[in-house]
Amino acid sequence: MHSITKHIGSGYSEPKVGDLHIADINKVLIIRPNHRLGNQLLLTPIVQEVINTFPNCEIDLFVKGGVALPVFENYTQINNIIQLPKKPFSNLFTYFKGWISIKKKTYDLVINGDKNSSSGRLLTQLSKARFKIFGNNYEEIQSKYEDYEHISKYPVYNLRHYLKKLGLPETTAPMPLLDIKLKESEIANGKKILEGIIKNNKKTICLYTNATGDKCYSEDWWLTFYTRLQNEYPDYNIIEMLPIENISKINFKAPHFYSKDIREMAAIIKNTAIFIAADNGVMHLASASLTPTVGFFSVTSSKMYAPFGNGSIALNTNETSIDDWLRAIGNILVF
């Protein structure tokens, strides 16, 4: 499908310099048809960039699955979230209804948020809008920004590049971070839950030891790391957030908790000093709670998926040692 659709958009008639005016962009569609939690959270920077650039616009999101609703709950400029079922054949009527809805509405700007999504390119082509960003790779951006490969950053760079080509001033604003936009009341509730777990005033390190497939480290790996962490930071609490499967790679040795509510999970993480996990959706949730996050990478690309902002860091465990990891964690905790 990628081979078939990679040239979609090549025949699109690019607008000319001066055609686009900020005040004329009132309805925006952002497409990212992926159901995973991490991918929905990685969409938040481009949503924020659109809001910052077009402050009077309304945004529709085209996604899969149901996690986008709690992720974007506090984004007031999101008008509608069009959700496809995770698997097309599970509900064909809903699936095709979602696609047809794109043809029925006229937008001012459409952005494909995933360059590797064949359906994203098709939907961008099918949509009715004068201004369309298909999600192409641009060598001139790649040569200028070393983090262009990051899956949440390149849509922002592409939007900025597109607007500059149309004659708008180039923005120098910082890259938006992943952000689930927690309310103060949610953070306060997270603090209350955390205090019920730790029952002291010490700062807290939070671990999440699960991941999918080859990204998941072994019990021996995690137990070795956990023991060293205890020895290095005896003045900190160490707790573990459990996955839905109720499993622990450290055999439940640390105080632990579990929640099905991703906003509650984020609020608890927000009250910790640092969050440590392998590359997975919960790692991105921690990053979106604006908590310093350490992500361990061994098989996936840290250039594409690294947590960033708030002192966060990605560590390639194939190229570094446990001493390097603890040193990096210590550098975060001193701040």
C-alpha atoms as a PDB file:
ATOM      1  CA  MET A   1       0.000   0.000   0.000  1.00  0.00           C
ATOM      2  CA  HIS A   2       2.851   2.366   0.782  1.00  0.00           C
ATOM      3  CA  SER A   3       4.340   1.746  -2.683  1.00  0.00           C
ATOM      4  CA  ILE A   4       0.962   2.372  -4.304  1.00  0.00           C
ATOM      5  CA  THR A   5       0.164   5.543  -2.364  1.00  0.00           C
ATOM      6  CA  LYS A   6       3.588   7.164  -1.984  1.00  0.00           C
ATOM      7  CA  HIS A   7       3.017   9.367  -5.044  1.00  0.00           C
ATOM      8  CA  ILE A   8      -0.428  10.529  -3.924  1.00  0.00           C
ATOM      9  CA  GLY A   9      -0.366  14.297  -3.717  1.00  0.00           C
ATOM     10  CA  SER A  10       2.275  14.728  -6.426  1.00  0.00           C
ATOM     11  CA  GLY A  11      -0.412  16.115  -8.726  1.00  0.00           C
ATOM     12  CA  TYR A  12      -1.736  18.505  -6.091  1.00  0.00           C
ATOM     13  CA  SER A  13      -1.658  22.084  -7.314  1.00  0.00           C
ATOM     14  CA  GLU A  14       0.420  23.986  -4.765  1.00  0.00           C
ATOM     15  CA  PRO A  15      -0.978  27.388  -3.747  1.00  0.00           C
ATOM     16  CA  LYS A  16       1.078  30.449  -4.589  1.00  0.00           C
ATOM     17  CA  VAL A  17       2.840  32.932  -2.340  1.00  0.00           C
ATOM     18  CA  GLY A  18       0.275  35.221  -0.750  1.00  0.00           C
ATOM     19  CA  ASP A  19      -2.678  32.836  -1.205  1.00  0.00           C
ATOM     20  CA  LEU A  20      -2.873  31.817   2.465  1.00  0.00           C
ATOM     21  CA  HIS A  21      -3.929  34.264   5.177  1.00  0.00           C
ATOM     22  CA  ILE A  22      -3.985  33.274   8.844  1.00  0.00           C
ATOM     23  CA  ALA A  23      -7.437  34.746   9.385  1.00  0.00           C
ATOM     24  CA  ASP A  24      -8.885  32.589   6.581  1.00  0.00           C
ATOM     25  CA  ILE A  25      -7.957  29.274   8.223  1.00  0.00           C
ATOM     26  CA  ASN A  26     -10.993  28.466  10.339  1.00  0.00           C
ATOM     27  CA  LYS A  27     -11.523  24.727   9.828  1.00  0.00           C
ATOM     28  CA  VAL A  28      -8.579  22.319  10.030  1.00  0.00           C
ATOM     29  CA  LEU A  29      -8.498  18.543   9.658  1.00  0.00           C
ATOM     30  CA  ILE A  30      -5.582  16.567  11.123  1.00  0.00           C
ATOM     31  CA  ILE A  31      -5.342  12.920  10.063  1.00  0.00           C
ATOM     32  CA  ARG A  32      -3.535  10.167  11.959  1.00  0.00           C
ATOM     33  CA  PRO A  33      -5.401   6.863  11.608  1.00  0.00           C
ATOM     34  CA  ASN A  34      -3.580   4.910  14.331  1.00  0.00           C
ATOM     35  CA  HIS A  35      -5.242   3.488  17.453  1.00  0.00           C
ATOM     36  CA  ARG A  36      -2.244   3.165  19.790  1.00  0.00           C
ATOM     37  CA  LEU A  37      -1.999   5.403  22.857  1.00  0.00           C
ATOM     38  CA  GLY A  38       1.542   6.522  22.047  1.00  0.00           C
ATOM     39  CA  ASN A  39       0.633   7.588  18.539  1.00  0.00           C
ATOM     40  CA  GLN A  40      -2.324   9.633  19.771  1.00  0.00           C
ATOM     41  CA  LEU A  41      -0.091  11.392  22.312  1.00  0.00           C
ATOM     42  CA  LEU A  42       2.554  11.994  19.638  1.00  0.00           C
ATOM     43  CA  LEU A  43      -0.123  13.912  17.747  1.00  0.00           C
ATOM     44  CA  THR A  44      -0.434  16.585  20.453  1.00  0.00           C
ATOM     45  CA  PRO A  45       2.510  18.764  19.240  1.00  0.00           C
ATOM     46  CA  ILE A  46       1.011  19.312  15.759  1.00  0.00           C
ATOM     47  CA  VAL A  47      -2.393  20.032  17.326  1.00  0.00           C
ATOM     48  CA  GLN A  48      -0.791  22.673  19.552  1.00  0.00           C
ATOM     49  CA  GLU A  49       1.150  24.112  16.610  1.00  0.00           C
ATOM     50  CA  VAL A  50      -2.075  24.500  14.615  1.00  0.00           C
ATOM     51  CA  ILE A  51      -3.783  26.189  17.568  1.00  0.00           C
ATOM     52  CA  ASN A  52      -0.813  28.525  18.088  1.00  0.00           C
ATOM     53  CA  THR A  53      -0.674  29.400  14.386  1.00  0.00           C
ATOM     54  CA  PHE A  54      -4.409  29.699  13.733  1.00  0.00           C
ATOM     55  CA  PRO A  55      -5.886  30.823  17.089  1.00  0.00           C
ATOM     56  CA  ASN A  56      -9.445  31.157  15.773  1.00  0.00           C
ATOM     57  CA  CYS A  57      -9.654  27.765  14.087  1.00  0.00           C
ATOM     58  CA  GLU A  58     -11.651  24.655  14.908  1.00  0.00           C
ATOM     59  CA  ILE A  59      -9.934  21.288  14.532  1.00  0.00           C
ATOM     60  CA  ASP A  60     -11.298  17.906  13.510  1.00  0.00           C
ATOM     61  CA  LEU A  61      -9.162  14.831  14.232  1.00  0.00           C
ATOM     62  CA  PHE A  62      -9.376  11.663  12.157  1.00  0.00           C
ATOM     63  CA  VAL A  63      -8.061   8.738  14.243  1.00  0.00           C
ATOM     64  CA  LYS A  64      -8.619   5.078  15.097  1.00  0.00           C
ATOM     65  CA  GLY A  65      -9.738   3.603  18.410  1.00  0.00           C
ATOM     66  CA  GLY A  66     -11.037   5.372  21.491  1.00  0.00           C
ATOM     67  CA  VAL A  67      -7.990   6.766  23.297  1.00  0.00           C
ATOM     68  CA  ALA A  68      -8.075  10.108  21.469  1.00  0.00           C
ATOM     69  CA  LEU A  69     -11.070  11.248  23.528  1.00  0.00           C
ATOM     70  CA  PRO A  70      -9.287  11.297  26.919  1.00  0.00           C
ATOM     71  CA  VAL A  71      -5.996  12.439  25.337  1.00  0.00           C
ATOM     72  CA  PHE A  72      -7.582  15.572  23.843  1.00  0.00           C
ATOM     73  CA  GLU A  73     -10.273  16.102  26.475  1.00  0.00           C
ATOM     74  CA  ASN A  74      -8.963  19.541  27.483  1.00  0.00           C
ATOM     75  CA  TYR A  75      -8.185  20.832  23.992  1.00  0.00           C
ATOM     76  CA  THR A  76     -11.072  23.270  23.627  1.00  0.00           C
ATOM     77  CA  GLN A  77     -10.447  24.033  19.938  1.00  0.00           C
ATOM     78  CA  ILE A  78     -11.028  20.442  18.887  1.00  0.00           C
ATOM     79  CA  ASN A  79     -14.475  20.426  17.363  1.00  0.00           C
ATOM     80  CA  ASN A  80     -14.865  16.774  16.424  1.00  0.00           C
ATOM     81  CA  ILE A  81     -12.957  13.497  16.734  1.00  0.00           C
ATOM     82  CA  ILE A  82     -13.772  11.096  13.903  1.00  0.00           C
ATOM     83  CA  GLN A  83     -12.928   7.643  15.210  1.00  0.00           C
ATOM     84  CA  LEU A  84     -12.546   4.570  13.041  1.00  0.00           C
ATOM     85  CA  PRO A  85     -12.725   1.105  14.621  1.00  0.00           C
ATOM     86  CA  LYS A  86      -9.315  -0.445  15.319  1.00  0.00           C
ATOM     87  CA  LYS A  87      -9.992  -3.177  12.756  1.00  0.00           C
ATOM     88  CA  PRO A  88     -11.984  -2.210   9.625  1.00  0.00           C
ATOM     89  CA  PHE A  89     -13.829  -5.527   9.389  1.00  0.00           C
ATOM     90  CA  SER A  90     -15.055  -5.322  12.981  1.00  0.00           C
ATOM     91  CA  ASN A  91     -17.492  -2.587  11.986  1.00  0.00           C
ATOM     92  CA  LEU A  92     -17.503  -1.866   8.257  1.00  0.00           C
ATOM     93  CA  PHE A  93     -20.427   0.565   8.503  1.00  0.00           C
ATOM     94  CA  THR A  94     -18.628   2.799  11.017  1.00  0.00           C
ATOM     95  CA  TYR A  95     -15.393   2.490   9.054  1.00  0.00           C
ATOM     96  CA  PHE A  96     -16.865   3.636   5.742  1.00  0.00           C
ATOM     97  CA  LYS A  97     -19.038   6.240   7.462  1.00  0.00           C
ATOM     98  CA  GLY A  98     -15.845   7.823   8.816  1.00  0.00           C
ATOM     99  CA  TRP A  99     -14.266   7.954   5.371  1.00  0.00           C
ATOM    100  CA  ILE A 100     -17.424   9.346   3.770  1.00  0.00           C
ATOM    101  CA  SER A 101     -17.664  12.069   6.434  1.00  0.00           C
ATOM    102  CA  ILE A 102     -14.386  13.502   5.144  1.00  0.00           C
ATOM    103  CA  LYS A 103     -15.887  14.000   1.680  1.00  0.00           C
ATOM    104  CA  LYS A 104     -18.972  15.708   3.077  1.00  0.00           C
ATOM    105  CA  LYS A 105     -17.168  18.551   4.823  1.00  0.00           C
ATOM    106  CA  THR A 106     -15.048  21.388   3.455  1.00  0.00           C
ATOM    107  CA  TYR A 107     -11.898  22.385   5.327  1.00  0.00           C
ATOM    108  CA  ASP A 108      -9.486  25.267   4.934  1.00  0.00           C
ATOM    109  CA  LEU A 109      -6.422  23.161   5.769  1.00  0.00           C
ATOM    110  CA  VAL A 110      -5.818  19.407   5.895  1.00  0.00           C
ATOM    111  CA  ILE A 111      -2.697  17.871   7.474  1.00  0.00           C
ATOM    112  CA  ASN A 112      -1.644  14.256   7.197  1.00  0.00           C
ATOM    113  CA  GLY A 113       0.123  13.634  10.511  1.00  0.00           C
ATOM    114  CA  ASP A 114       1.793  10.354   9.498  1.00  0.00           C
ATOM    115  CA  LYS A 115       3.968  10.255   6.390  1.00  0.00           C
ATOM    116  CA  ASN A 116       4.003   6.430   6.460  1.00  0.00           C
ATOM    117  CA  SER A 117       0.214   6.088   6.537  1.00  0.00           C
ATOM    118  CA  SER A 118      -1.255   5.073   3.182  1.00  0.00           C
ATOM    119  CA  SER A 119      -4.794   5.798   4.381  1.00  0.00           C
ATOM    120  CA  GLY A 120      -3.627   9.172   5.696  1.00  0.00           C
ATOM    121  CA  ARG A 121      -2.396  10.169   2.237  1.00  0.00           C
ATOM    122  CA  LEU A 122      -5.569   8.854   0.595  1.00  0.00           C
ATOM    123  CA  LEU A 123      -7.780  10.759   3.018  1.00  0.00           C
ATOM    124  CA  THR A 124      -5.789  13.946   2.459  1.00  0.00           C
ATOM    125  CA  GLN A 125      -6.297  13.486  -1.285  1.00  0.00           C
ATOM    126  CA  LEU A 126     -10.034  12.822  -0.870  1.00  0.00           C
ATOM    127  CA  SER A 127     -10.657  15.751   1.448  1.00  0.00           C
ATOM    128  CA  LYS A 128     -12.042  19.042   0.211  1.00  0.00           C
ATOM    129  CA  ALA A 129      -9.590  21.803   1.065  1.00  0.00           C
ATOM    130  CA  ARG A 130      -7.486  24.325  -0.808  1.00  0.00           C
ATOM    131  CA  PHE A 131      -4.477  23.851   1.436  1.00  0.00           C
ATOM    132  CA  LYS A 132      -3.174  20.312   1.964  1.00  0.00           C
ATOM    133  CA  ILE A 133      -0.044  18.946   3.622  1.00  0.00           C
ATOM    134  CA  PHE A 134       0.464  15.313   2.572  1.00  0.00           C
ATOM    135  CA  GLY A 135       3.342  14.556   4.927  1.00  0.00           C
ATOM    136  CA  ASN A 136       6.213  14.350   2.452  1.00  0.00           C
ATOM    137  CA  ASN A 137       9.851  14.242   3.478  1.00  0.00           C
ATOM    138  CA  TYR A 138      11.775  17.416   2.667  1.00  0.00           C
ATOM    139  CA  GLU A 139      15.548  17.172   2.342  1.00  0.00           C
ATOM    140  CA  GLU A 140      15.985  20.884   3.005  1.00  0.00           C
ATOM    141  CA  ILE A 141      14.287  20.490   6.412  1.00  0.00           C
ATOM    142  CA  GLN A 142      16.182  17.300   7.216  1.00  0.00           C
ATOM    143  CA  SER A 143      19.516  18.984   6.530  1.00  0.00           C
ATOM    144  CA  LYS A 144      18.567  21.876   8.813  1.00  0.00           C
ATOM    145  CA  TYR A 145      17.067  20.019  11.809  1.00  0.00           C
ATOM    146  CA  GLU A 146      18.671  16.868  13.177  1.00  0.00           C
ATOM    147  CA  ASP A 147      15.453  15.927  14.992  1.00  0.00           C
ATOM    148  CA  TYR A 148      13.307  16.078  11.823  1.00  0.00           C
ATOM    149  CA  GLU A 149      12.967  12.287  11.889  1.00  0.00           C
ATOM    150  CA  HIS A 150      11.038  12.377  15.181  1.00  0.00           C
ATOM    151  CA  ILE A 151       7.504  11.197  14.538  1.00  0.00           C
ATOM    152  CA  SER A 152       5.874  14.026  16.531  1.00  0.00           C
ATOM    153  CA  LYS A 153       8.159  16.791  15.254  1.00  0.00           C
ATOM    154  CA  TYR A 154       8.236  16.402  11.490  1.00  0.00           C
ATOM    155  CA  PRO A 155       4.522  17.341  11.042  1.00  0.00           C
ATOM    156  CA  VAL A 156       5.301  20.602  12.869  1.00  0.00           C
ATOM    157  CA  TYR A 157       8.386  21.238  10.741  1.00  0.00           C
ATOM    158  CA  ASN A 158       6.372  20.432   7.601  1.00  0.00           C
ATOM    159  CA  LEU A 159       3.627  22.895   8.548  1.00  0.00           C
ATOM    160  CA  ARG A 160       6.167  25.627   9.229  1.00  0.00           C
ATOM    161  CA  HIS A 161       7.922  24.865   5.938  1.00  0.00           C
ATOM    162  CA  TYR A 162       4.614  24.964   4.034  1.00  0.00           C
ATOM    163  CA  LEU A 163       3.602  28.311   5.508  1.00  0.00           C
ATOM    164  CA  LYS A 164       7.022  29.809   4.812  1.00  0.00           C
ATOM    165  CA  LYS A 165       6.756  28.728   1.165  1.00  0.00           C
ATOM    166  CA  LEU A 166       3.465  30.625   0.975  1.00  0.00           C
ATOM    167  CA  GLY A 167       5.109  33.805   2.213  1.00  0.00           C
ATOM    168  CA  LEU A 168       4.290  33.776   5.926  1.00  0.00           C
ATOM    169  CA  PRO A 169       7.028  34.745   8.404  1.00  0.00           C
ATOM    170  CA  GLU A 170       9.125  31.820   9.609  1.00  0.00           C
ATOM    171  CA  THR A 171       8.343  30.961  13.235  1.00  0.00           C
ATOM    172  CA  THR A 172      11.126  30.647  15.786  1.00  0.00           C
ATOM    173  CA  ALA A 173       8.856  29.326  18.531  1.00  0.00           C
ATOM    174  CA  PRO A 174      10.067  26.281  20.500  1.00  0.00           C
ATOM    175  CA  MET A 175       8.823  22.877  19.384  1.00  0.00           C
ATOM    176  CA  PRO A 176       5.567  22.059  21.229  1.00  0.00           C
ATOM    177  CA  LEU A 177       5.907  19.201  23.712  1.00  0.00           C
ATOM    178  CA  LEU A 178       3.660  16.216  24.135  1.00  0.00           C
ATOM    179  CA  ASP A 179       0.931  17.471  26.447  1.00  0.00           C
ATOM    180  CA  ILE A 180      -2.240  15.825  27.752  1.00  0.00           C
ATOM    181  CA  LYS A 181      -3.144  19.164  29.417  1.00  0.00           C
ATOM    182  CA  LEU A 182      -3.869  18.001  32.940  1.00  0.00           C
ATOM    183  CA  LYS A 183      -6.132  20.190  35.051  1.00  0.00           C
ATOM    184  CA  GLU A 184      -5.026  21.318  38.508  1.00  0.00           C
ATOM    185  CA  SER A 185      -7.848  19.228  39.985  1.00  0.00           C
ATOM    186  CA  GLU A 186      -6.551  16.131  38.186  1.00  0.00           C
ATOM    187  CA  ILE A 187      -3.005  16.756  39.427  1.00  0.00           C
ATOM    188  CA  ALA A 188      -4.293  17.203  42.979  1.00  0.00           C
ATOM    189  CA  ASN A 189      -6.166  13.898  42.757  1.00  0.00           C
ATOM    190  CA  GLY A 190      -3.019  12.219  41.417  1.00  0.00           C
ATOM    191  CA  LYS A 191      -1.068  13.561  44.386  1.00  0.00           C
ATOM    192  CA  LYS A 192      -3.658  12.161  46.778  1.00  0.00           C
ATOM    193  CA  ILE A 193      -3.449   8.717  45.157  1.00  0.00           C
ATOM    194  CA  LEU A 194       0.357   8.782  45.208  1.00  0.00           C
ATOM    195  CA  GLU A 195       0.439   9.771  48.872  1.00  0.00           C
ATOM    196  CA  GLY A 196      -1.762   6.778  49.627  1.00  0.00           C
ATOM    197  CA  ILE A 197       0.846   4.533  47.997  1.00  0.00           C
ATOM    198  CA  ILE A 198       4.074   5.941  49.455  1.00  0.00           C
ATOM    199  CA  LYS A 199       2.871   7.308  52.825  1.00  0.00           C
ATOM    200  CA  ASN A 200       5.898   9.609  53.289  1.00  0.00           C
ATOM    201  CA  ASN A 201       7.284  12.942  52.064  1.00  0.00           C
ATOM    202  CA  LYS A 202      10.181  11.587  50.003  1.00  0.00           C
ATOM    203  CA  LYS A 203      10.372  12.190  46.259  1.00  0.00           C
ATOM    204  CA  THR A 204       9.327   9.318  44.057  1.00  0.00           C
ATOM    205  CA  ILE A 205      10.814   7.430  41.108  1.00  0.00           C
ATOM    206  CA  CYS A 206       8.189   5.632  39.023  1.00  0.00           C
ATOM    207  CA  LEU A 207       8.937   2.548  36.908  1.00  0.00           C
ATOM    208  CA  TYR A 208       6.910   0.901  34.166  1.00  0.00           C
ATOM    209  CA  THR A 209       8.518  -2.430  33.344  1.00  0.00           C
ATOM    210  CA  ASN A 210       6.221  -3.689  30.601  1.00  0.00           C
ATOM    211  CA  ALA A 211       6.394  -3.171  26.828  1.00  0.00           C
ATOM    212  CA  THR A 212       5.269  -4.947  23.667  1.00  0.00           C
ATOM    213  CA  GLY A 213       7.251  -7.547  21.757  1.00  0.00           C
ATOM    214  CA  ASP A 214      11.003  -7.156  21.498  1.00  0.00           C
ATOM    215  CA  LYS A 215      10.845  -3.788  23.250  1.00  0.00           C
ATOM    216  CA  CYS A 216      10.188  -5.589  26.544  1.00  0.00           C
ATOM    217  CA  TYR A 217      13.261  -6.260  28.703  1.00  0.00           C
ATOM    218  CA  SER A 218      13.592  -9.454  30.741  1.00  0.00           C
ATOM    219  CA  GLU A 219      12.921  -9.901  34.448  1.00  0.00           C
ATOM    220  CA  ASP A 220      16.653 -10.347  35.102  1.00  0.00           C
ATOM    221  CA  TRP A 221      17.377  -7.080  33.310  1.00  0.00           C
ATOM    222  CA  TRP A 222      14.781  -5.134  35.278  1.00  0.00           C
ATOM    223  CA  LEU A 223      15.658  -6.738  38.641  1.00  0.00           C
ATOM    224  CA  THR A 224      19.320  -5.865  38.158  1.00  0.00           C
ATOM    225  CA  PHE A 225      18.408  -2.291  37.286  1.00  0.00           C
ATOM    226  CA  TYR A 226      15.906  -2.008  40.167  1.00  0.00           C
ATOM    227  CA  THR A 227      18.474  -3.231  42.712  1.00  0.00           C
ATOM    228  CA  ARG A 228      21.062  -0.720  41.509  1.00  0.00           C
ATOM    229  CA  LEU A 229      18.464   2.047  41.563  1.00  0.00           C
ATOM    230  CA  GLN A 230      17.597   1.224  45.184  1.00  0.00           C
ATOM    231  CA  ASN A 231      21.256   1.316  46.182  1.00  0.00           C
ATOM    232  CA  GLU A 232      21.986   4.571  44.349  1.00  0.00           C
ATOM    233  CA  TYR A 233      18.894   6.469  45.554  1.00  0.00           C
ATOM    234  CA  PRO A 234      17.930   5.270  49.043  1.00  0.00           C
ATOM    235  CA  ASP A 235      16.314   8.639  49.815  1.00  0.00           C
ATOM    236  CA  TYR A 236      13.728   8.201  47.064  1.00  0.00           C
ATOM    237  CA  ASN A 237      10.581   6.098  46.922  1.00  0.00           C
ATOM    238  CA  ILE A 238      10.510   3.672  44.014  1.00  0.00           C
ATOM    239  CA  ILE A 239       7.076   2.601  42.823  1.00  0.00           C
ATOM    240  CA  GLU A 240       5.853   0.616  39.837  1.00  0.00           C
ATOM    241  CA  MET A 241       2.933   1.359  37.551  1.00  0.00           C
ATOM    242  CA  LEU A 242       1.408  -1.929  36.393  1.00  0.00           C
ATOM    243  CA  PRO A 243      -0.008  -2.689  32.940  1.00  0.00           C
ATOM    244  CA  ILE A 244      -3.513  -3.997  32.324  1.00  0.00           C
ATOM    245  CA  GLU A 245      -2.128  -7.552  32.347  1.00  0.00           C
ATOM    246  CA  ASN A 246      -1.169  -7.078  36.041  1.00  0.00           C
ATOM    247  CA  ILE A 247       2.404  -8.274  35.508  1.00  0.00           C
ATOM    248  CA  SER A 248       5.649  -6.990  36.981  1.00  0.00           C
ATOM    249  CA  LYS A 249       9.153  -7.562  35.649  1.00  0.00           C
ATOM    250  CA  ILE A 250      10.478  -6.939  39.175  1.00  0.00           C
ATOM    251  CA  ASN A 251       8.099  -9.495  40.715  1.00  0.00           C
ATOM    252  CA  PHE A 252       6.027  -6.836  42.552  1.00  0.00           C
ATOM    253  CA  LYS A 253       8.966  -5.968  44.819  1.00  0.00           C
ATOM    254  CA  ALA A 254       8.106  -2.249  44.781  1.00  0.00           C
ATOM    255  CA  PRO A 255       4.855  -0.621  45.910  1.00  0.00           C
ATOM    256  CA  HIS A 256       2.638  -0.628  42.832  1.00  0.00           C
ATOM    257  CA  PHE A 257      -0.603   0.665  41.423  1.00  0.00           C
ATOM    258  CA  TYR A 258      -2.825   0.237  38.388  1.00  0.00           C
ATOM    259  CA  SER A 259      -5.442   2.382  36.679  1.00  0.00           C
ATOM    260  CA  LYS A 260      -7.549   2.052  33.532  1.00  0.00           C
ATOM    261  CA  ASP A 261      -7.950   5.847  33.350  1.00  0.00           C
ATOM    262  CA  ILE A 262      -5.103   7.314  31.299  1.00  0.00           C
ATOM    263  CA  ARG A 263      -5.684  10.817  32.662  1.00  0.00           C
ATOM    264  CA  GLU A 264      -5.485   9.492  36.219  1.00  0.00           C
ATOM    265  CA  MET A 265      -2.301   7.617  35.297  1.00  0.00           C
ATOM    266  CA  ALA A 266      -0.808  10.818  33.891  1.00  0.00           C
ATOM    267  CA  ALA A 267      -1.817  12.777  37.001  1.00  0.00           C
ATOM    268  CA  ILE A 268      -0.076  10.298  39.299  1.00  0.00           C
ATOM    269  CA  ILE A 269       3.060  10.374  37.134  1.00  0.00           C
ATOM    270  CA  LYS A 270       2.961  14.176  37.210  1.00  0.00           C
ATOM    271  CA  ASN A 271       3.535  14.033  40.973  1.00  0.00           C
ATOM    272  CA  THR A 272       6.679  11.900  40.672  1.00  0.00           C
ATOM    273  CA  ALA A 273      10.243  13.150  40.213  1.00  0.00           C
ATOM    274  CA  ILE A 274      11.046  10.933  37.223  1.00  0.00           C
ATOM    275  CA  PHE A 275       9.436   8.207  35.138  1.00  0.00           C
ATOM    276  CA  ILE A 276      11.490   5.320  33.718  1.00  0.00           C
ATOM    277  CA  ALA A 277      10.310   2.837  31.087  1.00  0.00           C
ATOM    278  CA  ALA A 278      11.116   1.086  27.857  1.00  0.00           C
ATOM    279  CA  ASP A 279       9.772   2.590  24.631  1.00  0.00           C
ATOM    280  CA  ASN A 280       5.973   2.249  24.814  1.00  0.00           C
ATOM    281  CA  GLY A 281       2.758   4.236  24.974  1.00  0.00           C
ATOM    282  CA  VAL A 282       2.943   4.779  28.738  1.00  0.00           C
ATOM    283  CA  MET A 283       6.410   6.299  28.287  1.00  0.00           C
ATOM    284  CA  HIS A 284       4.796   8.865  25.975  1.00  0.00           C
ATOM    285  CA  LEU A 285       1.984   9.357  28.508  1.00  0.00           C
ATOM    286  CA  ALA A 286       4.613  10.241  31.129  1.00  0.00           C
ATOM    287  CA  SER A 287       6.198  12.672  28.698  1.00  0.00           C
ATOM    288  CA  ALA A 288       2.756  14.182  28.000  1.00  0.00           C
ATOM    289  CA  SER A 289       2.256  14.698  31.740  1.00  0.00           C
ATOM    290  CA  LEU A 290       5.332  17.002  31.491  1.00  0.00           C
ATOM    291  CA  THR A 291       7.345  14.786  33.848  1.00  0.00           C
ATOM    292  CA  PRO A 292      11.067  14.088  33.222  1.00  0.00           C
ATOM    293  CA  THR A 293      11.054  10.766  31.402  1.00  0.00           C
ATOM    294  CA  VAL A 294      13.802   8.225  30.724  1.00  0.00           C
ATOM    295  CA  GLY A 295      13.101   5.909  27.795  1.00  0.00           C
ATOM    296  CA  PHE A 296      15.115   2.728  27.231  1.00  0.00           C
ATOM    297  CA  PHE A 297      15.576   1.773  23.574  1.00  0.00           C
ATOM    298  CA  SER A 298      17.023  -1.428  22.144  1.00  0.00           C
ATOM    299  CA  VAL A 299      15.096  -2.282  18.950  1.00  0.00           C
ATOM    300  CA  THR A 300      13.128   0.839  18.003  1.00  0.00           C
ATOM    301  CA  SER A 301      14.546   4.146  16.816  1.00  0.00           C
ATOM    302  CA  SER A 302      15.139   6.753  19.506  1.00  0.00           C
ATOM    303  CA  LYS A 303      15.406   9.330  16.705  1.00  0.00           C
ATOM    304  CA  MET A 304      11.750   8.653  15.928  1.00  0.00           C
ATOM    305  CA  TYR A 305      10.273   8.008  19.372  1.00  0.00           C
ATOM    306  CA  ALA A 306      12.486   9.556  22.058  1.00  0.00           C
ATOM    307  CA  PRO A 307      10.767  11.388  24.929  1.00  0.00           C
ATOM    308  CA  PHE A 308      11.762  15.043  24.833  1.00  0.00           C
ATOM    309  CA  GLY A 309      11.378  18.208  26.890  1.00  0.00           C
ATOM    310  CA  ASN A 310      11.351  18.602  30.687  1.00  0.00           C
ATOM    311  CA  GLY A 311      14.839  17.090  30.907  1.00  0.00           C
ATOM    312  CA  SER A 312      13.694  13.818  29.314  1.00  0.00           C
ATOM    313  CA  ILE A 313      16.209  11.514  27.652  1.00  0.00           C
ATOM    314  CA  ALA A 314      16.392   8.395  25.486  1.00  0.00           C
ATOM    315  CA  LEU A 315      19.033   5.758  26.261  1.00  0.00           C
ATOM    316  CA  ASN A 316      20.119   3.122  23.757  1.00  0.00           C
ATOM    317  CA  THR A 317      20.832   0.133  25.989  1.00  0.00           C
ATOM    318  CA  ASN A 318      22.852  -1.573  23.242  1.00  0.00           C
ATOM    319  CA  GLU A 319      25.404   1.228  23.301  1.00  0.00           C
ATOM    320  CA  THR A 320      25.448   2.252  26.972  1.00  0.00           C
ATOM    321  CA  SER A 321      25.933   0.592  30.366  1.00  0.00           C
ATOM    322  CA  ILE A 322      23.947   0.574  33.602  1.00  0.00           C
ATOM    323  CA  ASP A 323      26.432   3.096  34.987  1.00  0.00           C
ATOM    324  CA  ASP A 324      25.556   5.440  32.112  1.00  0.00           C
ATOM    325  CA  TRP A 325      21.847   5.033  32.841  1.00  0.00           C
ATOM    326  CA  LEU A 326      22.206   5.804  36.531  1.00  0.00           C
ATOM    327  CA  ARG A 327      24.400   8.806  35.743  1.00  0.00           C
ATOM    328  CA  ALA A 328      21.753  10.152  33.358  1.00  0.00           C
ATOM    329  CA  ILE A 329      19.015   9.604  35.949  1.00  0.00           C
ATOM    330  CA  GLY A 330      21.113  11.389  38.570  1.00  0.00           C
ATOM    331  CA  ASN A 331      21.577  14.375  36.247  1.00  0.00           C
ATOM    332  CA  ILE A 332      17.786  14.677  35.980  1.00  0.00           C
ATOM    333  CA  LEU A 333      17.115  14.257  39.701  1.00  0.00           C
ATOM    334  CA  VAL A 334      19.557  16.982  40.764  1.00  0.00           C
ATOM    335  CA  PHE A 335      17.311  19.465  39.002  1.00  0.00           C
END
